[in-house]
Amino acid sequence: MSEGKEAPVAKILNYGKLQYQKKKRQAQSARPVVKEVRFGLNIGVADYKLRIEQAVGWLSKGDSVKFAVRLRGREYQYREQAGELLDRVVSDLSQVGKVQSLDKRSLIALIIPA
């Protein structure tokens, strides 16, 4: 080949395979993601605010957020307080998300983008 001329470049590929991979990438990127936040009954104010701010960011991106309160040992006596904590989470996130499910029996709240 001579040095002064540019050679045409062509790529031969399987068009069906290309279409399949393109469709697969689109389906994967369109799938909503569920983020999980777990905390204990005695969570501090700063930690709570940090978790809420993270959840606001995730909900604004379009991801769902699952909150779970974990009780250990003697903390099971205070299940009512754990339920109140979940209610507080739901009320704090009411502007950016809506509740899909709130299960006070297993102490789990699933919040989806509004």
PDB file of N, CA and C in Angstrom:
ATOM      1  N   MET A   1       0.833  -1.168   0.000  1.00  0.00           N
ATOM      2  CA  MET A   1       0.000   0.000   0.000  1.00  0.00           C
ATOM      3  C   MET A   1       0.888   1.245   0.000  1.00  0.00           C
ATOM      4  N   SER A   2       0.503   2.259  -0.700  1.00  0.00           N
ATOM      5  CA  SER A   2       1.311   3.469  -0.764  1.00  0.00           C
ATOM      6  C   SER A   2       1.070   4.324   0.475  1.00  0.00           C
ATOM      7  N   GLU A   3       2.067   5.082   0.852  1.00  0.00           N
ATOM      8  CA  GLU A   3       1.986   5.845   2.100  1.00  0.00           C
ATOM      9  C   GLU A   3       1.128   7.094   1.977  1.00  0.00           C
ATOM     10  N   GLY A   4       1.004   7.692   0.824  1.00  0.00           N
ATOM     11  CA  GLY A   4       0.287   8.940   0.663  1.00  0.00           C
ATOM     12  C   GLY A   4      -1.219   8.798   0.633  1.00  0.00           C
ATOM     13  N   LYS A   5      -1.716   7.622   0.407  1.00  0.00           N
ATOM     14  CA  LYS A   5      -3.167   7.447   0.270  1.00  0.00           C
ATOM     15  C   LYS A   5      -3.772   6.868   1.552  1.00  0.00           C
ATOM     16  N   GLU A   6      -5.001   7.297   1.823  1.00  0.00           N
ATOM     17  CA  GLU A   6      -5.718   6.749   2.971  1.00  0.00           C
ATOM     18  C   GLU A   6      -6.528   5.548   2.525  1.00  0.00           C
ATOM     19  N   ALA A   7      -6.440   4.485   3.280  1.00  0.00           N
ATOM     20  CA  ALA A   7      -7.164   3.262   2.940  1.00  0.00           C
ATOM     21  C   ALA A   7      -8.570   3.331   3.524  1.00  0.00           C
ATOM     22  N   PRO A   8      -9.598   2.934   2.779  1.00  0.00           N
ATOM     23  CA  PRO A   8     -10.938   2.914   3.349  1.00  0.00           C
ATOM     24  C   PRO A   8     -11.026   1.833   4.432  1.00  0.00           C
ATOM     25  N   VAL A   9     -11.725   2.176   5.519  1.00  0.00           N
ATOM     26  CA  VAL A   9     -11.851   1.245   6.641  1.00  0.00           C
ATOM     27  C   VAL A   9     -13.304   0.785   6.726  1.00  0.00           C
ATOM     28  N   ALA A  10     -13.504  -0.504   6.764  1.00  0.00           N
ATOM     29  CA  ALA A  10     -14.845  -1.074   6.890  1.00  0.00           C
ATOM     30  C   ALA A  10     -14.799  -2.173   7.929  1.00  0.00           C
ATOM     31  N   LYS A  11     -15.877  -2.310   8.679  1.00  0.00           N
ATOM     32  CA  LYS A  11     -15.962  -3.347   9.696  1.00  0.00           C
ATOM     33  C   LYS A  11     -17.124  -4.254   9.329  1.00  0.00           C
ATOM     34  N   ILE A  12     -16.846  -5.506   9.275  1.00  0.00           N
ATOM     35  CA  ILE A  12     -17.881  -6.478   8.949  1.00  0.00           C
ATOM     36  C   ILE A  12     -18.358  -7.088  10.265  1.00  0.00           C
ATOM     37  N   LEU A  13     -19.679  -7.005  10.493  1.00  0.00           N
ATOM     38  CA  LEU A  13     -20.222  -7.567  11.721  1.00  0.00           C
ATOM     39  C   LEU A  13     -21.606  -8.147  11.472  1.00  0.00           C
ATOM     40  N   ASN A  14     -22.040  -8.902  12.452  1.00  0.00           N
ATOM     41  CA  ASN A  14     -23.349  -9.543  12.391  1.00  0.00           C
ATOM     42  C   ASN A  14     -24.391  -8.535  12.877  1.00  0.00           C
ATOM     43  N   TYR A  15     -25.272  -8.095  11.992  1.00  0.00           N
ATOM     44  CA  TYR A  15     -26.241  -7.062  12.323  1.00  0.00           C
ATOM     45  C   TYR A  15     -27.254  -7.541  13.366  1.00  0.00           C
ATOM     46  N   GLY A  16     -27.664  -8.775  13.296  1.00  0.00           N
ATOM     47  CA  GLY A  16     -28.600  -9.327  14.287  1.00  0.00           C
ATOM     48  C   GLY A  16     -28.003  -9.321  15.685  1.00  0.00           C
ATOM     49  N   LYS A  17     -26.722  -9.658  15.784  1.00  0.00           N
ATOM     50  CA  LYS A  17     -26.041  -9.661  17.073  1.00  0.00           C
ATOM     51  C   LYS A  17     -25.928  -8.230  17.619  1.00  0.00           C
ATOM     52  N   LEU A  18     -25.652  -7.280  16.742  1.00  0.00           N
ATOM     53  CA  LEU A  18     -25.561  -5.880  17.144  1.00  0.00           C
ATOM     54  C   LEU A  18     -26.903  -5.387  17.701  1.00  0.00           C
ATOM     55  N   GLN A  19     -27.996  -5.708  17.013  1.00  0.00           N
ATOM     56  CA  GLN A  19     -29.327  -5.306  17.461  1.00  0.00           C
ATOM     57  C   GLN A  19     -29.659  -5.938  18.824  1.00  0.00           C
ATOM     58  N   TYR A  20     -29.308  -7.210  19.003  1.00  0.00           N
ATOM     59  CA  TYR A  20     -29.568  -7.913  20.255  1.00  0.00           C
ATOM     60  C   TYR A  20     -28.825  -7.243  21.402  1.00  0.00           C
ATOM     61  N   GLN A  21     -27.546  -6.931  21.200  1.00  0.00           N
ATOM     62  CA  GLN A  21     -26.759  -6.303  22.259  1.00  0.00           C
ATOM     63  C   GLN A  21     -27.275  -4.904  22.583  1.00  0.00           C
ATOM     64  N   LYS A  22     -27.712  -4.171  21.574  1.00  0.00           N
ATOM     65  CA  LYS A  22     -28.245  -2.833  21.784  1.00  0.00           C
ATOM     66  C   LYS A  22     -29.531  -2.885  22.616  1.00  0.00           C
ATOM     67  N   LYS A  23     -30.417  -3.834  22.284  1.00  0.00           N
ATOM     68  CA  LYS A  23     -31.665  -3.991  23.021  1.00  0.00           C
ATOM     69  C   LYS A  23     -31.392  -4.422  24.465  1.00  0.00           C
ATOM     70  N   LYS A  24     -30.414  -5.278  24.652  1.00  0.00           N
ATOM     71  CA  LYS A  24     -30.056  -5.764  25.980  1.00  0.00           C
ATOM     72  C   LYS A  24     -29.524  -4.620  26.853  1.00  0.00           C
ATOM     73  N   ARG A  25     -28.680  -3.754  26.288  1.00  0.00           N
ATOM     74  CA  ARG A  25     -28.156  -2.598  27.024  1.00  0.00           C
ATOM     75  C   ARG A  25     -29.276  -1.638  27.414  1.00  0.00           C
ATOM     76  N   GLN A  26     -30.219  -1.399  26.515  1.00  0.00           N
ATOM     77  CA  GLN A  26     -31.327  -0.496  26.811  1.00  0.00           C
ATOM     78  C   GLN A  26     -32.198  -1.050  27.928  1.00  0.00           C
ATOM     79  N   ALA A  27     -32.458  -2.339  27.916  1.00  0.00           N
ATOM     80  CA  ALA A  27     -33.287  -2.952  28.946  1.00  0.00           C
ATOM     81  C   ALA A  27     -32.592  -2.891  30.300  1.00  0.00           C
ATOM     82  N   GLN A  28     -31.288  -3.059  30.302  1.00  0.00           N
ATOM     83  CA  GLN A  28     -30.544  -3.043  31.553  1.00  0.00           C
ATOM     84  C   GLN A  28     -30.498  -1.633  32.140  1.00  0.00           C
ATOM     85  N   SER A  29     -30.352  -0.622  31.302  1.00  0.00           N
ATOM     86  CA  SER A  29     -30.268   0.741  31.810  1.00  0.00           C
ATOM     87  C   SER A  29     -31.634   1.265  32.232  1.00  0.00           C
ATOM     88  N   ALA A  30     -32.706   0.734  31.680  1.00  0.00           N
ATOM     89  CA  ALA A  30     -34.047   1.208  32.005  1.00  0.00           C
ATOM     90  C   ALA A  30     -34.605   0.548  33.270  1.00  0.00           C
ATOM     91  N   ARG A  31     -33.945  -0.485  33.751  1.00  0.00           N
ATOM     92  CA  ARG A  31     -34.454  -1.217  34.914  1.00  0.00           C
ATOM     93  C   ARG A  31     -34.277  -0.383  36.184  1.00  0.00           C
ATOM     94  N   PRO A  32     -35.323  -0.190  36.977  1.00  0.00           N
ATOM     95  CA  PRO A  32     -35.181   0.579  38.213  1.00  0.00           C
ATOM     96  C   PRO A  32     -34.391  -0.215  39.253  1.00  0.00           C
ATOM     97  N   VAL A  33     -33.623   0.498  40.026  1.00  0.00           N
ATOM     98  CA  VAL A  33     -32.768  -0.115  41.030  1.00  0.00           C
ATOM     99  C   VAL A  33     -33.369   0.145  42.409  1.00  0.00           C
ATOM    100  N   VAL A  34     -33.293  -0.835  43.280  1.00  0.00           N
ATOM    101  CA  VAL A  34     -33.771  -0.673  44.654  1.00  0.00           C
ATOM    102  C   VAL A  34     -32.559  -0.577  45.569  1.00  0.00           C
ATOM    103  N   LYS A  35     -32.418   0.563  46.199  1.00  0.00           N
ATOM    104  CA  LYS A  35     -31.346   0.770  47.178  1.00  0.00           C
ATOM    105  C   LYS A  35     -31.905   0.430  48.552  1.00  0.00           C
ATOM    106  N   GLU A  36     -31.054  -0.113  49.413  1.00  0.00           N
ATOM    107  CA  GLU A  36     -31.516  -0.499  50.740  1.00  0.00           C
ATOM    108  C   GLU A  36     -30.763   0.280  51.802  1.00  0.00           C
ATOM    109  N   VAL A  37     -31.505   0.805  52.767  1.00  0.00           N
ATOM    110  CA  VAL A  37     -30.926   1.525  53.899  1.00  0.00           C
ATOM    111  C   VAL A  37     -31.382   0.808  55.157  1.00  0.00           C
ATOM    112  N   ARG A  38     -30.424   0.361  55.949  1.00  0.00           N
ATOM    113  CA  ARG A  38     -30.748  -0.316  57.201  1.00  0.00           C
ATOM    114  C   ARG A  38     -30.183   0.498  58.352  1.00  0.00           C
ATOM    115  N   PHE A  39     -30.941   0.650  59.381  1.00  0.00           N
ATOM    116  CA  PHE A  39     -30.420   1.289  60.571  1.00  0.00           C
ATOM    117  C   PHE A  39     -31.065   0.714  61.816  1.00  0.00           C
ATOM    118  N   GLY A  40     -30.428   0.977  62.941  1.00  0.00           N
ATOM    119  CA  GLY A  40     -30.918   0.471  64.209  1.00  0.00           C
ATOM    120  C   GLY A  40     -31.894   1.438  64.844  1.00  0.00           C
ATOM    121  N   LEU A  41     -32.408   1.048  65.963  1.00  0.00           N
ATOM    122  CA  LEU A  41     -33.408   1.847  66.660  1.00  0.00           C
ATOM    123  C   LEU A  41     -32.808   3.131  67.219  1.00  0.00           C
ATOM    124  N   ASN A  42     -31.573   3.082  67.662  1.00  0.00           N
ATOM    125  CA  ASN A  42     -30.941   4.230  68.313  1.00  0.00           C
ATOM    126  C   ASN A  42     -30.035   4.990  67.352  1.00  0.00           C
ATOM    127  N   ILE A  43     -30.508   5.266  66.136  1.00  0.00           N
ATOM    128  CA  ILE A  43     -29.704   5.978  65.162  1.00  0.00           C
ATOM    129  C   ILE A  43     -29.581   7.443  65.591  1.00  0.00           C
ATOM    130  N   GLY A  44     -28.384   7.999  65.401  1.00  0.00           N
ATOM    131  CA  GLY A  44     -28.152   9.387  65.777  1.00  0.00           C
ATOM    132  C   GLY A  44     -28.790  10.352  64.796  1.00  0.00           C
ATOM    133  N   VAL A  45     -28.893  11.602  65.197  1.00  0.00           N
ATOM    134  CA  VAL A  45     -29.540  12.623  64.367  1.00  0.00           C
ATOM    135  C   VAL A  45     -28.742  12.854  63.090  1.00  0.00           C
ATOM    136  N   ALA A  46     -27.418  12.957  63.205  1.00  0.00           N
ATOM    137  CA  ALA A  46     -26.582  13.214  62.028  1.00  0.00           C
ATOM    138  C   ALA A  46     -26.624  12.045  61.052  1.00  0.00           C
ATOM    139  N   ASP A  47     -26.582  10.830  61.571  1.00  0.00           N
ATOM    140  CA  ASP A  47     -26.656   9.646  60.708  1.00  0.00           C
ATOM    141  C   ASP A  47     -28.009   9.566  60.009  1.00  0.00           C
ATOM    142  N   TYR A  48     -29.062   9.893  60.732  1.00  0.00           N
ATOM    143  CA  TYR A  48     -30.402   9.873  60.164  1.00  0.00           C
ATOM    144  C   TYR A  48     -30.508  10.880  59.018  1.00  0.00           C
ATOM    145  N   LYS A  49     -30.019  12.094  59.254  1.00  0.00           N
ATOM    146  CA  LYS A  49     -30.071  13.130  58.215  1.00  0.00           C
ATOM    147  C   LYS A  49     -29.282  12.715  56.987  1.00  0.00           C
ATOM    148  N   LEU A  50     -28.119  12.082  57.201  1.00  0.00           N
ATOM    149  CA  LEU A  50     -27.288  11.622  56.086  1.00  0.00           C
ATOM    150  C   LEU A  50     -28.026  10.578  55.258  1.00  0.00           C
ATOM    151  N   ARG A  51     -28.682   9.634  55.911  1.00  0.00           N
ATOM    152  CA  ARG A  51     -29.425   8.592  55.200  1.00  0.00           C
ATOM    153  C   ARG A  51     -30.597   9.187  54.413  1.00  0.00           C
ATOM    154  N   ILE A  52     -31.266  10.170  55.004  1.00  0.00           N
ATOM    155  CA  ILE A  52     -32.388  10.817  54.316  1.00  0.00           C
ATOM    156  C   ILE A  52     -31.885  11.573  53.084  1.00  0.00           C
ATOM    157  N   GLU A  53     -30.753  12.278  53.214  1.00  0.00           N
ATOM    158  CA  GLU A  53     -30.194  13.006  52.070  1.00  0.00           C
ATOM    159  C   GLU A  53     -29.796  12.052  50.949  1.00  0.00           C
ATOM    160  N   GLN A  54     -29.207  10.907  51.316  1.00  0.00           N
ATOM    161  CA  GLN A  54     -28.856   9.904  50.306  1.00  0.00           C
ATOM    162  C   GLN A  54     -30.116   9.397  49.612  1.00  0.00           C
ATOM    163  N   ALA A  55     -31.148   9.142  50.381  1.00  0.00           N
ATOM    164  CA  ALA A  55     -32.394   8.631  49.810  1.00  0.00           C
ATOM    165  C   ALA A  55     -33.026   9.655  48.876  1.00  0.00           C
ATOM    166  N   VAL A  56     -32.957  10.931  49.229  1.00  0.00           N
ATOM    167  CA  VAL A  56     -33.500  11.975  48.358  1.00  0.00           C
ATOM    168  C   VAL A  56     -32.766  11.968  47.027  1.00  0.00           C
ATOM    169  N   GLY A  57     -31.440  11.823  47.081  1.00  0.00           N
ATOM    170  CA  GLY A  57     -30.655  11.754  45.839  1.00  0.00           C
ATOM    171  C   GLY A  57     -31.036  10.554  44.992  1.00  0.00           C
ATOM    172  N   TRP A  58     -31.184   9.409  45.617  1.00  0.00           N
ATOM    173  CA  TRP A  58     -31.539   8.197  44.870  1.00  0.00           C
ATOM    174  C   TRP A  58     -32.932   8.308  44.268  1.00  0.00           C
ATOM    175  N   LEU A  59     -33.877   8.848  45.039  1.00  0.00           N
ATOM    176  CA  LEU A  59     -35.242   8.985  44.533  1.00  0.00           C
ATOM    177  C   LEU A  59     -35.306   9.984  43.385  1.00  0.00           C
ATOM    178  N   SER A  60     -34.505  11.038  43.449  1.00  0.00           N
ATOM    179  CA  SER A  60     -34.512  12.012  42.356  1.00  0.00           C
ATOM    180  C   SER A  60     -33.900  11.428  41.086  1.00  0.00           C
ATOM    181  N   LYS A  61     -33.016  10.437  41.225  1.00  0.00           N
ATOM    182  CA  LYS A  61     -32.458   9.745  40.055  1.00  0.00           C
ATOM    183  C   LYS A  61     -33.436   8.744  39.459  1.00  0.00           C
ATOM    184  N   GLY A  62     -34.446   8.358  40.246  1.00  0.00           N
ATOM    185  CA  GLY A  62     -35.431   7.401  39.762  1.00  0.00           C
ATOM    186  C   GLY A  62     -35.322   6.028  40.389  1.00  0.00           C
ATOM    187  N   ASP A  63     -34.440   5.864  41.368  1.00  0.00           N
ATOM    188  CA  ASP A  63     -34.304   4.582  42.052  1.00  0.00           C
ATOM    189  C   ASP A  63     -35.282   4.497  43.215  1.00  0.00           C
ATOM    190  N   SER A  64     -35.667   3.283  43.569  1.00  0.00           N
ATOM    191  CA  SER A  64     -36.510   3.068  44.741  1.00  0.00           C
ATOM    192  C   SER A  64     -35.610   2.865  45.954  1.00  0.00           C
ATOM    193  N   VAL A  65     -36.135   3.160  47.129  1.00  0.00           N
ATOM    194  CA  VAL A  65     -35.349   3.021  48.357  1.00  0.00           C
ATOM    195  C   VAL A  65     -36.138   2.170  49.345  1.00  0.00           C
ATOM    196  N   LYS A  66     -35.451   1.182  49.913  1.00  0.00           N
ATOM    197  CA  LYS A  66     -36.067   0.293  50.902  1.00  0.00           C
ATOM    198  C   LYS A  66     -35.423   0.584  52.253  1.00  0.00           C
ATOM    199  N   PHE A  67     -36.232   0.967  53.226  1.00  0.00           N
ATOM    200  CA  PHE A  67     -35.746   1.244  54.575  1.00  0.00           C
ATOM    201  C   PHE A  67     -36.103   0.069  55.468  1.00  0.00           C
ATOM    202  N   ALA A  68     -35.124  -0.369  56.248  1.00  0.00           N
ATOM    203  CA  ALA A  68     -35.352  -1.465  57.182  1.00  0.00           C
ATOM    204  C   ALA A  68     -34.762  -1.090  58.537  1.00  0.00           C
ATOM    205  N   VAL A  69     -35.566  -1.255  59.573  1.00  0.00           N
ATOM    206  CA  VAL A  69     -35.091  -1.012  60.934  1.00  0.00           C
ATOM    207  C   VAL A  69     -34.742  -2.368  61.530  1.00  0.00           C
ATOM    208  N   ARG A  70     -33.511  -2.484  61.991  1.00  0.00           N
ATOM    209  CA  ARG A  70     -33.025  -3.752  62.536  1.00  0.00           C
ATOM    210  C   ARG A  70     -33.021  -3.670  64.058  1.00  0.00           C
ATOM    211  N   LEU A  71     -33.682  -4.596  64.693  1.00  0.00           N
ATOM    212  CA  LEU A  71     -33.720  -4.653  66.155  1.00  0.00           C
ATOM    213  C   LEU A  71     -32.884  -5.834  66.620  1.00  0.00           C
ATOM    214  N   ARG A  72     -32.154  -5.618  67.711  1.00  0.00           N
ATOM    215  CA  ARG A  72     -31.300  -6.678  68.244  1.00  0.00           C
ATOM    216  C   ARG A  72     -31.600  -6.884  69.728  1.00  0.00           C
ATOM    217  N   GLY A  73     -31.653  -8.128  70.092  1.00  0.00           N
ATOM    218  CA  GLY A  73     -31.773  -8.472  71.505  1.00  0.00           C
ATOM    219  C   GLY A  73     -32.947  -7.835  72.203  1.00  0.00           C
ATOM    220  N   ARG A  74     -32.659  -7.038  73.232  1.00  0.00           N
ATOM    221  CA  ARG A  74     -33.717  -6.431  74.045  1.00  0.00           C
ATOM    222  C   ARG A  74     -34.410  -5.270  73.345  1.00  0.00           C
ATOM    223  N   GLU A  75     -33.898  -4.867  72.186  1.00  0.00           N
ATOM    224  CA  GLU A  75     -34.547  -3.778  71.452  1.00  0.00           C
ATOM    225  C   GLU A  75     -35.939  -4.181  70.958  1.00  0.00           C
ATOM    226  N   TYR A  76     -36.240  -5.478  70.931  1.00  0.00           N
ATOM    227  CA  TYR A  76     -37.556  -5.930  70.481  1.00  0.00           C
ATOM    228  C   TYR A  76     -38.681  -5.424  71.384  1.00  0.00           C
ATOM    229  N   GLN A  77     -38.342  -5.006  72.598  1.00  0.00           N
ATOM    230  CA  GLN A  77     -39.351  -4.440  73.491  1.00  0.00           C
ATOM    231  C   GLN A  77     -39.899  -3.129  72.947  1.00  0.00           C
ATOM    232  N   TYR A  78     -39.107  -2.464  72.093  1.00  0.00           N
ATOM    233  CA  TYR A  78     -39.443  -1.117  71.632  1.00  0.00           C
ATOM    234  C   TYR A  78     -39.864  -1.113  70.162  1.00  0.00           C
ATOM    235  N   ARG A  79     -40.664  -2.091  69.768  1.00  0.00           N
ATOM    236  CA  ARG A  79     -41.122  -2.171  68.377  1.00  0.00           C
ATOM    237  C   ARG A  79     -41.969  -0.953  67.990  1.00  0.00           C
ATOM    238  N   GLU A  80     -42.700  -0.384  68.959  1.00  0.00           N
ATOM    239  CA  GLU A  80     -43.521   0.791  68.660  1.00  0.00           C
ATOM    240  C   GLU A  80     -42.640   1.963  68.238  1.00  0.00           C
ATOM    241  N   GLN A  81     -41.505   2.133  68.930  1.00  0.00           N
ATOM    242  CA  GLN A  81     -40.591   3.222  68.570  1.00  0.00           C
ATOM    243  C   GLN A  81     -39.998   3.001  67.188  1.00  0.00           C
ATOM    244  N   ALA A  82     -39.743   1.758  66.837  1.00  0.00           N
ATOM    245  CA  ALA A  82     -39.223   1.454  65.496  1.00  0.00           C
ATOM    246  C   ALA A  82     -40.269   1.788  64.442  1.00  0.00           C
ATOM    247  N   GLY A  83     -41.537   1.510  64.735  1.00  0.00           N
ATOM    248  CA  GLY A  83     -42.610   1.877  63.817  1.00  0.00           C
ATOM    249  C   GLY A  83     -42.723   3.382  63.654  1.00  0.00           C
ATOM    250  N   GLU A  84     -42.536   4.116  64.755  1.00  0.00           N
ATOM    251  CA  GLU A  84     -42.556   5.584  64.692  1.00  0.00           C
ATOM    252  C   GLU A  84     -41.382   6.107  63.865  1.00  0.00           C
ATOM    253  N   LEU A  85     -40.242   5.438  63.961  1.00  0.00           N
ATOM    254  CA  LEU A  85     -39.072   5.833  63.174  1.00  0.00           C
ATOM    255  C   LEU A  85     -39.355   5.663  61.681  1.00  0.00           C
ATOM    256  N   LEU A  86     -40.009   4.567  61.316  1.00  0.00           N
ATOM    257  CA  LEU A  86     -40.385   4.368  59.906  1.00  0.00           C
ATOM    258  C   LEU A  86     -41.393   5.418  59.447  1.00  0.00           C
ATOM    259  N   ASP A  87     -42.328   5.765  60.323  1.00  0.00           N
ATOM    260  CA  ASP A  87     -43.291   6.822  59.978  1.00  0.00           C
ATOM    261  C   ASP A  87     -42.582   8.147  59.747  1.00  0.00           C
ATOM    262  N   ARG A  88     -41.560   8.414  60.560  1.00  0.00           N
ATOM    263  CA  ARG A  88     -40.788   9.649  60.404  1.00  0.00           C
ATOM    264  C   ARG A  88     -40.047   9.662  59.081  1.00  0.00           C
ATOM    265  N   VAL A  89     -39.490   8.513  58.691  1.00  0.00           N
ATOM    266  CA  VAL A  89     -38.807   8.404  57.396  1.00  0.00           C
ATOM    267  C   VAL A  89     -39.783   8.686  56.266  1.00  0.00           C
ATOM    268  N   VAL A  90     -40.961   8.084  56.337  1.00  0.00           N
ATOM    269  CA  VAL A  90     -41.973   8.264  55.293  1.00  0.00           C
ATOM    270  C   VAL A  90     -42.390   9.726  55.199  1.00  0.00           C
ATOM    271  N   SER A  91     -42.590  10.373  56.352  1.00  0.00           N
ATOM    272  CA  SER A  91     -43.015  11.774  56.320  1.00  0.00           C
ATOM    273  C   SER A  91     -41.901  12.683  55.812  1.00  0.00           C
ATOM    274  N   ASP A  92     -40.645  12.374  56.134  1.00  0.00           N
ATOM    275  CA  ASP A  92     -39.532  13.196  55.655  1.00  0.00           C
ATOM    276  C   ASP A  92     -39.334  13.072  54.150  1.00  0.00           C
ATOM    277  N   LEU A  93     -39.683  11.937  53.587  1.00  0.00           N
ATOM    278  CA  LEU A  93     -39.482  11.713  52.155  1.00  0.00           C
ATOM    279  C   LEU A  93     -40.771  11.883  51.346  1.00  0.00           C
ATOM    280  N   SER A  94     -41.804  12.436  51.951  1.00  0.00           N
ATOM    281  CA  SER A  94     -43.083  12.551  51.251  1.00  0.00           C
ATOM    282  C   SER A  94     -43.027  13.521  50.077  1.00  0.00           C
ATOM    283  N   GLN A  95     -42.073  14.478  50.073  1.00  0.00           N
ATOM    284  CA  GLN A  95     -41.984  15.426  48.956  1.00  0.00           C
ATOM    285  C   GLN A  95     -41.424  14.785  47.693  1.00  0.00           C
ATOM    286  N   VAL A  96     -40.447  13.863  47.851  1.00  0.00           N
ATOM    287  CA  VAL A  96     -39.752  13.303  46.682  1.00  0.00           C
ATOM    288  C   VAL A  96     -40.197  11.893  46.326  1.00  0.00           C
ATOM    289  N   GLY A  97     -40.908  11.228  47.229  1.00  0.00           N
ATOM    290  CA  GLY A  97     -41.306   9.853  46.949  1.00  0.00           C
ATOM    291  C   GLY A  97     -42.639   9.523  47.578  1.00  0.00           C
ATOM    292  N   LYS A  98     -43.196   8.399  47.137  1.00  0.00           N
ATOM    293  CA  LYS A  98     -44.438   7.921  47.739  1.00  0.00           C
ATOM    294  C   LYS A  98     -44.230   6.495  48.214  1.00  0.00           C
ATOM    295  N   VAL A  99     -45.011   6.116  49.197  1.00  0.00           N
ATOM    296  CA  VAL A  99     -44.844   4.811  49.830  1.00  0.00           C
ATOM    297  C   VAL A  99     -45.502   3.740  48.974  1.00  0.00           C
ATOM    298  N   GLN A 100     -44.724   2.735  48.616  1.00  0.00           N
ATOM    299  CA  GLN A 100     -45.309   1.598  47.903  1.00  0.00           C
ATOM    300  C   GLN A 100     -45.786   0.566  48.914  1.00  0.00           C
ATOM    301  N   SER A 101     -44.967   0.335  49.935  1.00  0.00           N
ATOM    302  CA  SER A 101     -45.395  -0.583  50.987  1.00  0.00           C
ATOM    303  C   SER A 101     -44.767  -0.172  52.311  1.00  0.00           C
ATOM    304  N   LEU A 102     -45.556  -0.269  53.368  1.00  0.00           N
ATOM    305  CA  LEU A 102     -45.090   0.035  54.720  1.00  0.00           C
ATOM    306  C   LEU A 102     -45.520  -1.121  55.602  1.00  0.00           C
ATOM    307  N   ASP A 103     -44.566  -1.939  55.998  1.00  0.00           N
ATOM    308  CA  ASP A 103     -44.861  -3.122  56.790  1.00  0.00           C
ATOM    309  C   ASP A 103     -44.275  -2.931  58.187  1.00  0.00           C
ATOM    310  N   LYS A 104     -45.132  -2.597  59.120  1.00  0.00           N
ATOM    311  CA  LYS A 104     -44.641  -2.362  60.480  1.00  0.00           C
ATOM    312  C   LYS A 104     -44.368  -3.666  61.221  1.00  0.00           C
ATOM    313  N   ARG A 105     -44.879  -4.746  60.703  1.00  0.00           N
ATOM    314  CA  ARG A 105     -44.620  -6.036  61.351  1.00  0.00           C
ATOM    315  C   ARG A 105     -43.164  -6.457  61.156  1.00  0.00           C
ATOM    316  N   SER A 106     -42.673  -6.317  59.911  1.00  0.00           N
ATOM    317  CA  SER A 106     -41.272  -6.650  59.654  1.00  0.00           C
ATOM    318  C   SER A 106     -40.386  -5.408  59.619  1.00  0.00           C
ATOM    319  N   LEU A 107     -40.959  -4.245  59.914  1.00  0.00           N
ATOM    320  CA  LEU A 107     -40.244  -2.962  60.004  1.00  0.00           C
ATOM    321  C   LEU A 107     -39.520  -2.610  58.711  1.00  0.00           C
ATOM    322  N   ILE A 108     -40.255  -2.659  57.615  1.00  0.00           N
ATOM    323  CA  ILE A 108     -39.699  -2.345  56.292  1.00  0.00           C
ATOM    324  C   ILE A 108     -40.624  -1.364  55.575  1.00  0.00           C
ATOM    325  N   ALA A 109     -40.025  -0.346  54.957  1.00  0.00           N
ATOM    326  CA  ALA A 109     -40.782   0.607  54.146  1.00  0.00           C
ATOM    327  C   ALA A 109     -40.128   0.697  52.782  1.00  0.00           C
ATOM    328  N   LEU A 110     -40.910   0.574  51.727  1.00  0.00           N
ATOM    329  CA  LEU A 110     -40.409   0.699  50.365  1.00  0.00           C
ATOM    330  C   LEU A 110     -40.977   1.975  49.768  1.00  0.00           C
ATOM    331  N   ILE A 111     -40.076   2.865  49.352  1.00  0.00           N
ATOM    332  CA  ILE A 111     -40.488   4.174  48.838  1.00  0.00           C
ATOM    333  C   ILE A 111     -40.043   4.272  47.386  1.00  0.00           C
ATOM    334  N   ILE A 112     -40.979   4.658  46.524  1.00  0.00           N
ATOM    335  CA  ILE A 112     -40.688   4.789  45.103  1.00  0.00           C
ATOM    336  C   ILE A 112     -40.725   6.270  44.723  1.00  0.00           C
ATOM    337  N   PRO A 113     -40.080   6.642  43.626  1.00  0.00           N
ATOM    338  CA  PRO A 113     -40.070   8.055  43.225  1.00  0.00           C
ATOM    339  C   PRO A 113     -41.484   8.556  42.927  1.00  0.00           C
ATOM    340  N   ALA A 114     -41.725   9.809  43.263  1.00  0.00           N
ATOM    341  CA  ALA A 114     -43.059  10.397  43.051  1.00  0.00           C
ATOM    342  C   ALA A 114     -43.251  10.814  41.603  1.00  0.00           C
TER     343      ALA A 114
END
